[in-house]
Structure formats: C-alpha cells, structure tokens
C-alpha cells in the first residue's frame, strides 16, 4: 500500500499541523490513500479514527 518513507512523511506532516488544519489534512490523505477508510488510516498510520472521520 504505502512504503515506509511515505508513511513517515505523512505522519511528520500531520504532527506539524494543529486543529482543523490537521484534521483536514488527515481526512484528505485518508480519502486519497486509503479509499476513505478511517480504519485503514488508524491501523497503518496510527491516526485517531474519529479525528479522521
């Protein structure tokens, strides 16, 4: 699905954002990379599923 370099880049980008910008980024990336599945984003990237939704 995603290689480790891309995972690390996405995690680092999300860490640098706060509030609604962070949630917007996480949601958009989940749509693009995981077909909108918050569960996949939670499992693969460790992101909080309710924040992604």
C-alpha atoms as a PDB file:
ATOM      1  CA  UNK A   1       0.000   0.000   0.000  1.00  0.00           C
ATOM      2  CA  UNK A   2       2.364   2.775   1.220  1.00  0.00           C
ATOM      3  CA  UNK A   3       6.073   2.384   1.690  1.00  0.00           C
ATOM      4  CA  UNK A   4       7.725   3.378   4.969  1.00  0.00           C
ATOM      5  CA  UNK A   5       9.152   6.642   3.626  1.00  0.00           C
ATOM      6  CA  UNK A   6       5.715   7.889   2.608  1.00  0.00           C
ATOM      7  CA  UNK A   7       4.195   6.794   5.921  1.00  0.00           C
ATOM      8  CA  UNK A   8       6.871   8.691   7.827  1.00  0.00           C
ATOM      9  CA  UNK A   9       6.380  11.797   5.678  1.00  0.00           C
ATOM     10  CA  UNK A  10       2.605  11.784   6.242  1.00  0.00           C
ATOM     11  CA  UNK A  11       2.997  11.296   9.990  1.00  0.00           C
ATOM     12  CA  UNK A  12       5.526  14.139  10.218  1.00  0.00           C
ATOM     13  CA  UNK A  13       3.318  16.466   8.188  1.00  0.00           C
ATOM     14  CA  UNK A  14       0.332  15.742  10.432  1.00  0.00           C
ATOM     15  CA  UNK A  15       2.417  16.387  13.570  1.00  0.00           C
ATOM     16  CA  UNK A  16       3.322  19.872  12.330  1.00  0.00           C
ATOM     17  CA  UNK A  17      -0.312  20.884  11.887  1.00  0.00           C
ATOM     18  CA  UNK A  18      -2.863  21.671  14.580  1.00  0.00           C
ATOM     19  CA  UNK A  19      -6.627  21.919  14.947  1.00  0.00           C
ATOM     20  CA  UNK A  20      -8.862  21.881  11.913  1.00  0.00           C
ATOM     21  CA  UNK A  21      -5.907  22.064   9.509  1.00  0.00           C
ATOM     22  CA  UNK A  22      -4.565  18.797  10.928  1.00  0.00           C
ATOM     23  CA  UNK A  23      -7.966  17.093  10.722  1.00  0.00           C
ATOM     24  CA  UNK A  24      -8.476  18.377   7.168  1.00  0.00           C
ATOM     25  CA  UNK A  25      -5.060  17.051   6.130  1.00  0.00           C
ATOM     26  CA  UNK A  26      -5.703  13.679   7.735  1.00  0.00           C
ATOM     27  CA  UNK A  27      -9.142  13.371   6.139  1.00  0.00           C
ATOM     28  CA  UNK A  28      -7.892  14.343   2.661  1.00  0.00           C
ATOM     29  CA  UNK A  29      -4.968  11.945   2.862  1.00  0.00           C
ATOM     30  CA  UNK A  30      -7.289   9.174   4.036  1.00  0.00           C
ATOM     31  CA  UNK A  31      -9.529   9.783   1.026  1.00  0.00           C
ATOM     32  CA  UNK A  32      -6.560   9.742  -1.354  1.00  0.00           C
ATOM     33  CA  UNK A  33      -4.500   6.912   0.118  1.00  0.00           C
ATOM     34  CA  UNK A  34      -6.988   4.611   1.822  1.00  0.00           C
ATOM     35  CA  UNK A  35     -10.191   4.974  -0.233  1.00  0.00           C
ATOM     36  CA  UNK A  36     -11.730   6.989   2.601  1.00  0.00           C
ATOM     37  CA  UNK A  37     -11.312   4.215   5.189  1.00  0.00           C
ATOM     38  CA  UNK A  38     -10.581   5.798   8.562  1.00  0.00           C
ATOM     39  CA  UNK A  39      -9.976   2.323   9.950  1.00  0.00           C
ATOM     40  CA  UNK A  40      -7.122   1.744   7.474  1.00  0.00           C
ATOM     41  CA  UNK A  41      -5.584   5.129   8.332  1.00  0.00           C
ATOM     42  CA  UNK A  42      -5.811   4.256  12.013  1.00  0.00           C
ATOM     43  CA  UNK A  43      -4.193   0.854  11.503  1.00  0.00           C
ATOM     44  CA  UNK A  44      -1.446   1.912   9.104  1.00  0.00           C
ATOM     45  CA  UNK A  45      -0.585   5.432  10.280  1.00  0.00           C
ATOM     46  CA  UNK A  46      -1.786   5.307  13.873  1.00  0.00           C
ATOM     47  CA  UNK A  47      -4.143   8.246  13.399  1.00  0.00           C
ATOM     48  CA  UNK A  48      -7.192   8.592  15.643  1.00  0.00           C
ATOM     49  CA  UNK A  49     -10.175   7.297  13.691  1.00  0.00           C
ATOM     50  CA  UNK A  50     -12.692   9.901  14.986  1.00  0.00           C
ATOM     51  CA  UNK A  51     -10.304  12.706  14.006  1.00  0.00           C
ATOM     52  CA  UNK A  52     -10.007  11.320  10.501  1.00  0.00           C
ATOM     53  CA  UNK A  53     -13.750  10.904  10.127  1.00  0.00           C
END
